[in-house]
Amino acid sequence: MTSPEILSFMELAIHQARLALDALEVPVGCVIVEDGKVIATGRNRTTETRNATRHAEMEAIDVLLGQWQKNRHSMSEVAEKFSNCSLYVTCEPCIMCASALSILGIKEVFYGCSNDKFGGCGSILSLHSSNTTTVNNEVPSGKNFKSTGGIMASEAVLLFRTFYEQGNPNGKLLWSFLTSTQNLLKLYDIVDMWSI
């Protein structure tokens, strides 16, 4: 049984995911918690920023790094602070985000639904429990962190379903442009010109 505290933090992550959905982003949201208090929130902003790395986790991490840099925390102090934090996110962190969380030394991750395409906490790779000590001399090795999934998964899946049923308006614009007869003819002319 999931504790009321875990459910309340996941509810806050779901709220962030709803904000992402309202902004026509893939609905993923997260909160970072230290000592029972939310210290950062994040939601997907990949479309808004036109940057595929602006996942909810990266947004929240950047908020903390900015605060801690402003407070002149040393690298070791930042590492210590991350080791006392837990992250609650509506969808299993992707490989990129799980790697970042491991390198930063997050204590624990709680997530809603699994990420069967890019999951980094067990669905595709298990970066939260990696046995590798070093990748190479230039890339910092990560630390293991506890990962618990399936928390409010149905709510997270419902948000994804809503997003995909309404369609991605940004994807529709590109698709309608590419499939219009006039633009297809222009594309064929460009391709034909380059094949000479």
N, C-alpha and C. Protein backbone atom coordinates (compact mmCIF):
# COMPACT_ATOMS: atom_id res chain seq x y z
N MET A 1 0.84 -1.19 0.00
CA MET A 1 0.00 0.00 0.00
C MET A 1 0.88 1.25 0.00
N THR A 2 0.50 2.20 -0.82
CA THR A 2 1.26 3.44 -0.95
C THR A 2 0.87 4.42 0.15
N SER A 3 1.88 5.05 0.75
CA SER A 3 1.63 5.97 1.86
C SER A 3 0.92 7.23 1.38
N PRO A 4 0.14 7.87 2.27
CA PRO A 4 -0.53 9.13 1.91
C PRO A 4 0.46 10.22 1.49
N GLU A 5 1.64 10.24 2.09
CA GLU A 5 2.64 11.25 1.73
C GLU A 5 3.10 11.06 0.28
N ILE A 6 3.38 9.82 -0.11
CA ILE A 6 3.79 9.54 -1.49
C ILE A 6 2.68 9.94 -2.45
N LEU A 7 1.44 9.59 -2.12
CA LEU A 7 0.31 9.94 -2.98
C LEU A 7 0.14 11.45 -3.11
N SER A 8 0.36 12.18 -2.02
CA SER A 8 0.19 13.64 -2.09
C SER A 8 1.27 14.28 -2.98
N PHE A 9 2.49 13.77 -2.91
CA PHE A 9 3.54 14.31 -3.79
C PHE A 9 3.29 13.92 -5.25
N MET A 10 2.79 12.69 -5.46
CA MET A 10 2.48 12.29 -6.83
C MET A 10 1.32 13.11 -7.38
N GLU A 11 0.38 13.46 -6.53
CA GLU A 11 -0.72 14.33 -6.96
C GLU A 11 -0.18 15.68 -7.44
N LEU A 12 0.84 16.20 -6.78
CA LEU A 12 1.47 17.46 -7.22
C LEU A 12 2.17 17.28 -8.57
N ALA A 13 2.78 16.12 -8.77
CA ALA A 13 3.40 15.83 -10.07
C ALA A 13 2.33 15.74 -11.16
N ILE A 14 1.20 15.11 -10.84
CA ILE A 14 0.08 15.03 -11.79
C ILE A 14 -0.41 16.44 -12.14
N HIS A 15 -0.45 17.33 -11.16
CA HIS A 15 -0.84 18.72 -11.42
C HIS A 15 0.12 19.36 -12.43
N GLN A 16 1.42 19.13 -12.27
CA GLN A 16 2.40 19.66 -13.23
C GLN A 16 2.16 19.07 -14.62
N ALA A 17 1.81 17.78 -14.68
CA ALA A 17 1.53 17.14 -15.97
C ALA A 17 0.30 17.77 -16.62
N ARG A 18 -0.70 18.11 -15.82
CA ARG A 18 -1.89 18.79 -16.36
C ARG A 18 -1.52 20.16 -16.93
N LEU A 19 -0.61 20.86 -16.25
CA LEU A 19 -0.14 22.14 -16.78
C LEU A 19 0.55 21.94 -18.13
N ALA A 20 1.32 20.87 -18.24
CA ALA A 20 1.97 20.56 -19.52
C ALA A 20 0.91 20.29 -20.59
N LEU A 21 -0.09 19.49 -20.25
CA LEU A 21 -1.17 19.17 -21.19
C LEU A 21 -1.88 20.45 -21.64
N ASP A 22 -2.17 21.34 -20.70
CA ASP A 22 -2.82 22.62 -21.03
C ASP A 22 -1.97 23.45 -21.98
N ALA A 23 -0.65 23.28 -21.90
CA ALA A 23 0.28 24.02 -22.77
C ALA A 23 0.58 23.24 -24.06
N LEU A 24 -0.20 22.18 -24.32
CA LEU A 24 -0.05 21.34 -25.52
C LEU A 24 1.29 20.61 -25.56
N GLU A 25 1.81 20.29 -24.39
CA GLU A 25 3.03 19.50 -24.26
C GLU A 25 2.66 18.07 -23.89
N VAL A 26 3.57 17.13 -24.13
CA VAL A 26 3.36 15.77 -23.64
C VAL A 26 3.22 15.87 -22.12
N PRO A 27 2.14 15.32 -21.54
CA PRO A 27 1.82 15.56 -20.14
C PRO A 27 2.67 14.77 -19.14
N VAL A 28 3.85 15.27 -18.87
CA VAL A 28 4.70 14.71 -17.82
C VAL A 28 5.04 15.84 -16.87
N GLY A 29 4.91 15.56 -15.58
CA GLY A 29 5.23 16.54 -14.55
C GLY A 29 5.96 15.88 -13.41
N CYS A 30 6.70 16.68 -12.65
CA CYS A 30 7.44 16.13 -11.51
C CYS A 30 7.60 17.16 -10.41
N VAL A 31 7.92 16.65 -9.23
CA VAL A 31 8.32 17.48 -8.10
C VAL A 31 9.54 16.84 -7.45
N ILE A 32 10.41 17.68 -6.91
CA ILE A 32 11.56 17.19 -6.15
C ILE A 32 11.33 17.59 -4.70
N VAL A 33 11.53 16.62 -3.81
CA VAL A 33 11.21 16.79 -2.40
C VAL A 33 12.46 16.58 -1.55
N GLU A 34 12.65 17.48 -0.58
CA GLU A 34 13.72 17.34 0.40
C GLU A 34 13.11 17.56 1.78
N ASP A 35 13.37 16.65 2.69
CA ASP A 35 12.85 16.74 4.06
C ASP A 35 11.34 16.99 4.12
N GLY A 36 10.60 16.29 3.25
CA GLY A 36 9.15 16.40 3.27
C GLY A 36 8.58 17.65 2.65
N LYS A 37 9.42 18.46 1.98
CA LYS A 37 8.96 19.71 1.36
C LYS A 37 9.32 19.71 -0.12
N VAL A 38 8.39 20.20 -0.93
CA VAL A 38 8.66 20.35 -2.36
C VAL A 38 9.62 21.52 -2.53
N ILE A 39 10.77 21.25 -3.18
CA ILE A 39 11.75 22.32 -3.39
C ILE A 39 11.89 22.70 -4.86
N ALA A 40 11.28 21.91 -5.76
CA ALA A 40 11.30 22.25 -7.18
C ALA A 40 10.19 21.49 -7.90
N THR A 41 9.67 22.11 -8.95
CA THR A 41 8.68 21.46 -9.80
C THR A 41 9.14 21.57 -11.24
N GLY A 42 8.61 20.70 -12.08
CA GLY A 42 8.94 20.77 -13.49
C GLY A 42 7.86 20.10 -14.31
N ARG A 43 7.75 20.53 -15.55
CA ARG A 43 6.84 19.91 -16.51
C ARG A 43 7.52 19.92 -17.86
N ASN A 44 7.07 19.05 -18.74
CA ASN A 44 7.65 19.03 -20.08
C ASN A 44 7.49 20.39 -20.73
N ARG A 45 8.55 20.84 -21.39
CA ARG A 45 8.54 22.11 -22.12
C ARG A 45 9.27 21.97 -23.45
N THR A 46 9.25 20.77 -24.01
CA THR A 46 10.02 20.51 -25.22
C THR A 46 9.50 21.30 -26.42
N THR A 47 8.20 21.40 -26.57
CA THR A 47 7.63 22.14 -27.70
C THR A 47 7.82 23.64 -27.50
N GLU A 48 7.52 24.11 -26.31
CA GLU A 48 7.63 25.54 -26.00
C GLU A 48 9.05 26.04 -26.23
N THR A 49 10.04 25.28 -25.81
CA THR A 49 11.43 25.71 -25.92
C THR A 49 12.09 25.25 -27.22
N ARG A 50 11.41 24.37 -27.95
CA ARG A 50 11.98 23.76 -29.16
C ARG A 50 13.30 23.07 -28.84
N ASN A 51 13.30 22.40 -27.69
CA ASN A 51 14.49 21.71 -27.20
C ASN A 51 14.05 20.36 -26.65
N ALA A 52 14.43 19.30 -27.31
CA ALA A 52 13.98 17.95 -26.95
C ALA A 52 14.48 17.49 -25.59
N THR A 53 15.42 18.19 -24.98
CA THR A 53 15.93 17.77 -23.67
C THR A 53 15.18 18.40 -22.50
N ARG A 54 14.21 19.25 -22.77
CA ARG A 54 13.52 19.97 -21.69
C ARG A 54 12.38 19.13 -21.10
N HIS A 55 12.76 17.95 -20.62
CA HIS A 55 11.82 17.08 -19.94
C HIS A 55 11.53 17.64 -18.55
N ALA A 56 10.46 17.16 -17.94
CA ALA A 56 10.04 17.65 -16.61
C ALA A 56 11.18 17.54 -15.60
N GLU A 57 11.87 16.40 -15.60
CA GLU A 57 12.95 16.20 -14.63
C GLU A 57 14.08 17.21 -14.83
N MET A 58 14.45 17.46 -16.08
CA MET A 58 15.52 18.41 -16.37
C MET A 58 15.12 19.83 -15.98
N GLU A 59 13.85 20.16 -16.18
CA GLU A 59 13.36 21.48 -15.77
C GLU A 59 13.49 21.65 -14.26
N ALA A 60 13.07 20.65 -13.49
CA ALA A 60 13.15 20.74 -12.03
C ALA A 60 14.60 20.75 -11.55
N ILE A 61 15.44 19.93 -12.16
CA ILE A 61 16.86 19.91 -11.81
C ILE A 61 17.49 21.28 -12.04
N ASP A 62 17.17 21.90 -13.17
CA ASP A 62 17.74 23.21 -13.47
C ASP A 62 17.28 24.29 -12.48
N VAL A 63 16.04 24.18 -12.01
CA VAL A 63 15.56 25.12 -10.98
C VAL A 63 16.45 25.01 -9.74
N LEU A 64 16.69 23.76 -9.30
CA LEU A 64 17.53 23.56 -8.11
C LEU A 64 18.96 24.01 -8.33
N LEU A 65 19.53 23.64 -9.45
CA LEU A 65 20.92 24.03 -9.71
C LEU A 65 21.04 25.55 -9.74
N GLY A 66 20.05 26.23 -10.30
CA GLY A 66 20.06 27.69 -10.32
C GLY A 66 19.99 28.28 -8.91
N GLN A 67 19.10 27.72 -8.09
CA GLN A 67 18.97 28.20 -6.70
C GLN A 67 20.27 27.97 -5.94
N TRP A 68 20.79 26.77 -6.06
CA TRP A 68 21.98 26.41 -5.29
C TRP A 68 23.21 27.16 -5.77
N GLN A 69 23.27 27.44 -7.07
CA GLN A 69 24.39 28.23 -7.59
C GLN A 69 24.28 29.67 -7.07
N LYS A 70 23.07 30.20 -7.05
CA LYS A 70 22.84 31.55 -6.53
C LYS A 70 23.25 31.63 -5.06
N ASN A 71 23.03 30.55 -4.31
CA ASN A 71 23.42 30.49 -2.90
C ASN A 71 24.88 30.09 -2.71
N ARG A 72 25.61 29.99 -3.81
CA ARG A 72 27.04 29.69 -3.81
C ARG A 72 27.40 28.35 -3.16
N HIS A 73 26.55 27.35 -3.38
CA HIS A 73 26.87 26.01 -2.88
C HIS A 73 28.00 25.43 -3.71
N SER A 74 28.90 24.75 -3.06
CA SER A 74 30.00 24.07 -3.76
C SER A 74 29.45 22.81 -4.43
N MET A 75 30.25 22.22 -5.31
CA MET A 75 29.83 20.99 -5.98
C MET A 75 29.54 19.88 -4.97
N SER A 76 30.36 19.79 -3.93
CA SER A 76 30.13 18.75 -2.92
C SER A 76 28.85 19.02 -2.13
N GLU A 77 28.54 20.29 -1.88
CA GLU A 77 27.29 20.63 -1.19
C GLU A 77 26.07 20.30 -2.06
N VAL A 78 26.19 20.57 -3.36
CA VAL A 78 25.11 20.24 -4.28
C VAL A 78 24.90 18.73 -4.31
N ALA A 79 25.99 17.98 -4.38
CA ALA A 79 25.90 16.51 -4.37
C ALA A 79 25.25 16.02 -3.09
N GLU A 80 25.61 16.61 -1.98
CA GLU A 80 25.02 16.23 -0.69
C GLU A 80 23.52 16.52 -0.67
N LYS A 81 23.13 17.68 -1.20
CA LYS A 81 21.72 18.04 -1.21
C LYS A 81 20.92 17.08 -2.10
N PHE A 82 21.45 16.77 -3.29
CA PHE A 82 20.74 15.83 -4.17
C PHE A 82 20.60 14.46 -3.51
N SER A 83 21.58 14.05 -2.75
CA SER A 83 21.52 12.72 -2.12
C SER A 83 20.44 12.64 -1.04
N ASN A 84 19.87 13.78 -0.67
CA ASN A 84 18.78 13.82 0.30
C ASN A 84 17.42 14.08 -0.35
N CYS A 85 17.38 14.09 -1.68
CA CYS A 85 16.15 14.43 -2.40
C CYS A 85 15.49 13.20 -3.01
N SER A 86 14.18 13.28 -3.11
CA SER A 86 13.38 12.28 -3.83
C SER A 86 12.65 13.00 -4.96
N LEU A 87 12.47 12.28 -6.07
CA LEU A 87 11.77 12.85 -7.22
C LEU A 87 10.50 12.05 -7.45
N TYR A 88 9.41 12.74 -7.70
CA TYR A 88 8.12 12.13 -8.02
C TYR A 88 7.77 12.59 -9.43
N VAL A 89 7.55 11.64 -10.34
CA VAL A 89 7.31 11.98 -11.73
C VAL A 89 6.20 11.08 -12.27
N THR A 90 5.39 11.62 -13.17
CA THR A 90 4.21 10.90 -13.63
C THR A 90 4.53 9.74 -14.56
N CYS A 91 5.67 9.76 -15.21
CA CYS A 91 6.07 8.68 -16.12
C CYS A 91 7.52 8.30 -15.81
N GLU A 92 7.82 7.02 -15.93
CA GLU A 92 9.19 6.53 -15.69
C GLU A 92 10.20 7.41 -16.41
N PRO A 93 11.24 7.87 -15.72
CA PRO A 93 12.25 8.69 -16.39
C PRO A 93 12.86 7.99 -17.60
N CYS A 94 13.04 8.75 -18.66
CA CYS A 94 13.68 8.21 -19.86
C CYS A 94 15.16 7.93 -19.55
N ILE A 95 15.83 7.35 -20.50
CA ILE A 95 17.24 7.00 -20.32
C ILE A 95 18.08 8.25 -20.02
N MET A 96 17.82 9.35 -20.74
CA MET A 96 18.57 10.59 -20.50
C MET A 96 18.35 11.09 -19.07
N CYS A 97 17.09 11.16 -18.65
CA CYS A 97 16.78 11.70 -17.32
C CYS A 97 17.26 10.77 -16.21
N ALA A 98 17.10 9.45 -16.39
CA ALA A 98 17.58 8.50 -15.39
C ALA A 98 19.10 8.59 -15.24
N SER A 99 19.79 8.80 -16.35
CA SER A 99 21.25 8.97 -16.29
C SER A 99 21.62 10.22 -15.51
N ALA A 100 20.92 11.32 -15.79
CA ALA A 100 21.19 12.58 -15.07
C ALA A 100 20.92 12.41 -13.58
N LEU A 101 19.81 11.77 -13.24
CA LEU A 101 19.47 11.57 -11.83
C LEU A 101 20.51 10.70 -11.13
N SER A 102 21.02 9.71 -11.84
CA SER A 102 22.06 8.83 -11.29
C SER A 102 23.35 9.60 -11.07
N ILE A 103 23.75 10.38 -12.05
CA ILE A 103 24.99 11.17 -11.94
C ILE A 103 24.87 12.19 -10.80
N LEU A 104 23.70 12.80 -10.66
CA LEU A 104 23.49 13.78 -9.59
C LEU A 104 23.37 13.14 -8.22
N GLY A 105 23.10 11.85 -8.19
CA GLY A 105 23.03 11.13 -6.92
C GLY A 105 21.71 11.26 -6.18
N ILE A 106 20.61 11.37 -6.93
CA ILE A 106 19.29 11.45 -6.29
C ILE A 106 19.07 10.22 -5.41
N LYS A 107 18.37 10.40 -4.30
CA LYS A 107 18.16 9.30 -3.36
C LYS A 107 17.13 8.30 -3.87
N GLU A 108 16.00 8.81 -4.38
CA GLU A 108 14.89 7.92 -4.71
C GLU A 108 14.00 8.55 -5.77
N VAL A 109 13.41 7.70 -6.62
CA VAL A 109 12.48 8.15 -7.64
C VAL A 109 11.19 7.34 -7.51
N PHE A 110 10.07 8.05 -7.51
CA PHE A 110 8.74 7.43 -7.55
C PHE A 110 8.11 7.86 -8.87
N TYR A 111 7.57 6.90 -9.62
CA TYR A 111 6.95 7.28 -10.89
C TYR A 111 5.59 6.61 -11.07
N GLY A 112 4.81 7.20 -11.98
CA GLY A 112 3.49 6.68 -12.28
C GLY A 112 3.55 5.52 -13.25
N CYS A 113 3.36 5.81 -14.53
CA CYS A 113 3.33 4.74 -15.53
C CYS A 113 4.72 4.43 -16.06
N SER A 114 4.85 3.22 -16.61
CA SER A 114 6.11 2.80 -17.22
C SER A 114 6.31 3.52 -18.55
N ASN A 115 7.56 3.56 -18.99
CA ASN A 115 7.94 4.17 -20.26
C ASN A 115 8.51 3.06 -21.13
N ASP A 116 7.62 2.39 -21.86
CA ASP A 116 8.01 1.19 -22.61
C ASP A 116 8.89 1.46 -23.82
N LYS A 117 9.05 2.71 -24.19
CA LYS A 117 9.90 3.04 -25.34
C LYS A 117 11.28 3.54 -24.92
N PHE A 118 11.35 4.33 -23.84
CA PHE A 118 12.61 4.97 -23.47
C PHE A 118 12.94 4.87 -21.98
N GLY A 119 12.26 4.01 -21.24
CA GLY A 119 12.40 3.96 -19.79
C GLY A 119 13.80 3.62 -19.30
N GLY A 120 14.29 4.41 -18.36
CA GLY A 120 15.62 4.21 -17.81
C GLY A 120 15.64 3.62 -16.42
N CYS A 121 14.46 3.27 -15.89
CA CYS A 121 14.38 2.70 -14.53
C CYS A 121 13.78 1.30 -14.55
N GLY A 122 14.09 0.55 -15.59
CA GLY A 122 13.67 -0.84 -15.63
C GLY A 122 12.95 -1.28 -16.89
N SER A 123 12.21 -0.39 -17.56
CA SER A 123 11.46 -0.82 -18.74
C SER A 123 12.38 -1.14 -19.92
N ILE A 124 13.38 -0.32 -20.15
CA ILE A 124 14.35 -0.56 -21.23
C ILE A 124 15.73 -0.79 -20.63
N LEU A 125 16.22 0.16 -19.88
CA LEU A 125 17.48 0.02 -19.15
C LEU A 125 17.21 0.21 -17.66
N SER A 126 18.12 -0.30 -16.85
CA SER A 126 17.99 -0.16 -15.39
C SER A 126 19.12 0.71 -14.87
N LEU A 127 19.10 1.97 -15.25
CA LEU A 127 20.18 2.89 -14.88
C LEU A 127 20.15 3.24 -13.40
N HIS A 128 19.04 3.00 -12.75
CA HIS A 128 18.94 3.26 -11.31
C HIS A 128 19.71 2.23 -10.49
N SER A 129 20.01 1.09 -11.10
CA SER A 129 20.73 0.03 -10.37
C SER A 129 21.88 -0.51 -11.20
N SER A 130 22.56 0.39 -11.88
CA SER A 130 23.66 0.00 -12.76
C SER A 130 24.84 -0.53 -11.95
N ASN A 131 25.45 -1.59 -12.45
CA ASN A 131 26.62 -2.16 -11.79
C ASN A 131 27.92 -1.60 -12.34
N THR A 132 27.84 -0.76 -13.36
CA THR A 132 29.06 -0.21 -13.94
C THR A 132 29.61 0.88 -13.03
N THR A 133 30.91 0.86 -12.83
CA THR A 133 31.52 1.87 -11.96
C THR A 133 32.00 3.07 -12.76
N THR A 134 32.44 2.87 -13.99
CA THR A 134 32.84 3.99 -14.83
C THR A 134 32.43 3.72 -16.26
N VAL A 135 32.07 4.77 -16.96
CA VAL A 135 31.76 4.66 -18.37
C VAL A 135 33.04 4.88 -19.16
N ASN A 136 33.74 5.93 -18.87
CA ASN A 136 35.09 6.20 -19.36
C ASN A 136 35.68 7.28 -18.46
N ASN A 137 36.85 7.74 -18.76
CA ASN A 137 37.50 8.70 -17.87
C ASN A 137 36.84 10.08 -17.88
N GLU A 138 36.05 10.39 -18.92
CA GLU A 138 35.48 11.72 -19.04
C GLU A 138 34.05 11.82 -18.52
N VAL A 139 33.33 10.72 -18.51
CA VAL A 139 31.93 10.75 -18.10
C VAL A 139 31.81 10.31 -16.65
N PRO A 140 31.20 11.15 -15.80
CA PRO A 140 31.06 10.75 -14.40
C PRO A 140 30.17 9.52 -14.27
N SER A 141 30.55 8.63 -13.39
CA SER A 141 29.71 7.45 -13.17
C SER A 141 28.58 7.82 -12.23
N GLY A 142 27.48 7.13 -12.39
CA GLY A 142 26.32 7.43 -11.58
C GLY A 142 26.27 6.62 -10.30
N LYS A 143 25.31 6.98 -9.48
CA LYS A 143 25.06 6.27 -8.23
C LYS A 143 23.71 5.58 -8.35
N ASN A 144 23.59 4.45 -7.70
CA ASN A 144 22.31 3.76 -7.69
C ASN A 144 21.29 4.57 -6.90
N PHE A 145 20.04 4.47 -7.30
CA PHE A 145 18.96 5.08 -6.52
C PHE A 145 17.77 4.14 -6.52
N LYS A 146 16.98 4.24 -5.47
CA LYS A 146 15.79 3.41 -5.36
C LYS A 146 14.74 3.93 -6.33
N SER A 147 14.03 3.03 -6.98
CA SER A 147 13.02 3.41 -7.96
C SER A 147 11.75 2.59 -7.72
N THR A 148 10.62 3.28 -7.59
CA THR A 148 9.34 2.63 -7.35
C THR A 148 8.33 3.14 -8.36
N GLY A 149 7.76 2.25 -9.14
CA GLY A 149 6.81 2.64 -10.17
C GLY A 149 5.39 2.20 -9.87
N GLY A 150 4.48 2.63 -10.73
CA GLY A 150 3.09 2.23 -10.64
C GLY A 150 2.25 3.08 -9.70
N ILE A 151 2.77 4.21 -9.25
CA ILE A 151 2.03 5.06 -8.31
C ILE A 151 1.13 6.01 -9.11
N MET A 152 -0.16 5.86 -8.94
CA MET A 152 -1.15 6.65 -9.67
C MET A 152 -0.95 6.51 -11.18
N ALA A 153 -0.57 5.32 -11.60
CA ALA A 153 -0.28 5.06 -13.02
C ALA A 153 -1.50 5.31 -13.89
N SER A 154 -2.69 4.93 -13.43
CA SER A 154 -3.88 5.10 -14.26
C SER A 154 -4.15 6.58 -14.54
N GLU A 155 -3.89 7.45 -13.57
CA GLU A 155 -4.06 8.88 -13.78
C GLU A 155 -3.06 9.40 -14.81
N ALA A 156 -1.83 8.92 -14.73
CA ALA A 156 -0.81 9.34 -15.69
C ALA A 156 -1.15 8.87 -17.10
N VAL A 157 -1.60 7.62 -17.21
CA VAL A 157 -1.97 7.07 -18.52
C VAL A 157 -3.15 7.84 -19.10
N LEU A 158 -4.11 8.21 -18.26
CA LEU A 158 -5.26 8.98 -18.73
C LEU A 158 -4.83 10.31 -19.33
N LEU A 159 -3.85 10.97 -18.72
CA LEU A 159 -3.34 12.22 -19.28
C LEU A 159 -2.69 11.99 -20.64
N PHE A 160 -1.91 10.92 -20.77
CA PHE A 160 -1.31 10.59 -22.07
C PHE A 160 -2.40 10.31 -23.10
N ARG A 161 -3.40 9.54 -22.70
CA ARG A 161 -4.48 9.20 -23.62
C ARG A 161 -5.18 10.48 -24.10
N THR A 162 -5.44 11.39 -23.18
CA THR A 162 -6.07 12.67 -23.54
C THR A 162 -5.22 13.43 -24.54
N PHE A 163 -3.92 13.48 -24.29
CA PHE A 163 -3.01 14.19 -25.19
C PHE A 163 -3.04 13.59 -26.59
N TYR A 164 -2.93 12.27 -26.68
CA TYR A 164 -2.85 11.63 -27.99
C TYR A 164 -4.20 11.59 -28.69
N GLU A 165 -5.31 11.54 -27.94
CA GLU A 165 -6.63 11.58 -28.57
C GLU A 165 -6.92 12.96 -29.16
N GLN A 166 -6.49 14.02 -28.47
CA GLN A 166 -6.71 15.37 -29.01
C GLN A 166 -5.74 15.66 -30.14
N GLY A 167 -4.69 14.88 -30.22
CA GLY A 167 -3.70 15.08 -31.26
C GLY A 167 -2.71 16.15 -30.88
N ASN A 168 -1.54 16.03 -31.43
CA ASN A 168 -0.49 17.02 -31.20
C ASN A 168 -0.66 18.11 -32.24
N PRO A 169 -1.15 19.29 -31.84
CA PRO A 169 -1.38 20.34 -32.83
C PRO A 169 -0.11 20.75 -33.55
N ASN A 170 1.02 20.65 -32.90
CA ASN A 170 2.28 20.99 -33.56
C ASN A 170 2.61 19.95 -34.61
N GLY A 171 2.32 18.71 -34.34
CA GLY A 171 2.52 17.65 -35.32
C GLY A 171 1.54 17.77 -36.47
N LYS A 172 0.30 18.18 -36.18
CA LYS A 172 -0.71 18.33 -37.22
C LYS A 172 -0.33 19.41 -38.22
N LEU A 173 0.22 20.52 -37.73
CA LEU A 173 0.62 21.60 -38.63
C LEU A 173 1.65 21.12 -39.63
N LEU A 174 2.67 20.43 -39.14
CA LEU A 174 3.71 19.93 -40.03
C LEU A 174 3.14 18.91 -40.99
N TRP A 175 2.32 17.98 -40.48
CA TRP A 175 1.76 16.94 -41.33
C TRP A 175 0.85 17.54 -42.39
N SER A 176 0.01 18.52 -42.02
CA SER A 176 -0.88 19.13 -43.01
C SER A 176 -0.07 19.88 -44.06
N PHE A 177 1.03 20.51 -43.66
CA PHE A 177 1.89 21.19 -44.62
C PHE A 177 2.52 20.18 -45.59
N LEU A 178 3.05 19.10 -45.03
CA LEU A 178 3.74 18.12 -45.86
C LEU A 178 2.80 17.36 -46.78
N THR A 179 1.55 17.18 -46.38
CA THR A 179 0.65 16.37 -47.18
C THR A 179 -0.24 17.18 -48.12
N SER A 180 -0.19 18.50 -48.04
CA SER A 180 -0.99 19.27 -48.99
C SER A 180 -0.39 19.08 -50.39
N THR A 181 -1.27 18.97 -51.37
CA THR A 181 -0.84 18.68 -52.74
C THR A 181 0.15 19.71 -53.25
N GLN A 182 -0.12 20.97 -53.00
CA GLN A 182 0.75 22.03 -53.49
C GLN A 182 2.16 21.89 -52.91
N ASN A 183 2.25 21.64 -51.62
CA ASN A 183 3.56 21.53 -50.98
C ASN A 183 4.27 20.24 -51.37
N LEU A 184 3.51 19.16 -51.60
CA LEU A 184 4.14 17.93 -52.08
C LEU A 184 4.77 18.15 -53.45
N LEU A 185 4.07 18.89 -54.32
CA LEU A 185 4.63 19.18 -55.64
C LEU A 185 5.91 20.00 -55.51
N LYS A 186 5.94 20.96 -54.59
CA LYS A 186 7.16 21.75 -54.36
C LYS A 186 8.29 20.85 -53.87
N LEU A 187 7.97 19.94 -52.96
CA LEU A 187 8.99 19.01 -52.46
C LEU A 187 9.54 18.14 -53.57
N TYR A 188 8.62 17.64 -54.44
CA TYR A 188 9.07 16.81 -55.56
C TYR A 188 9.99 17.61 -56.48
N ASP A 189 9.65 18.89 -56.72
CA ASP A 189 10.50 19.73 -57.56
C ASP A 189 11.88 19.91 -56.95
N ILE A 190 11.94 20.10 -55.63
CA ILE A 190 13.23 20.27 -54.95
C ILE A 190 14.04 18.99 -55.05
N VAL A 191 13.40 17.86 -54.80
CA VAL A 191 14.10 16.58 -54.88
C VAL A 191 14.58 16.34 -56.30
N ASP A 192 13.72 16.64 -57.28
CA ASP A 192 14.08 16.44 -58.68
C ASP A 192 15.25 17.34 -59.07
N MET A 193 15.26 18.57 -58.57
CA MET A 193 16.33 19.51 -58.87
C MET A 193 17.67 18.97 -58.35
N TRP A 194 17.68 18.37 -57.16
CA TRP A 194 18.91 17.86 -56.57
C TRP A 194 19.36 16.55 -57.20
N SER A 195 18.47 15.88 -57.90
CA SER A 195 18.86 14.59 -58.49
C SER A 195 19.48 14.75 -59.87
N ILE A 196 19.54 15.96 -60.37
CA ILE A 196 20.13 16.21 -61.70
C ILE A 196 21.62 16.05 -61.66
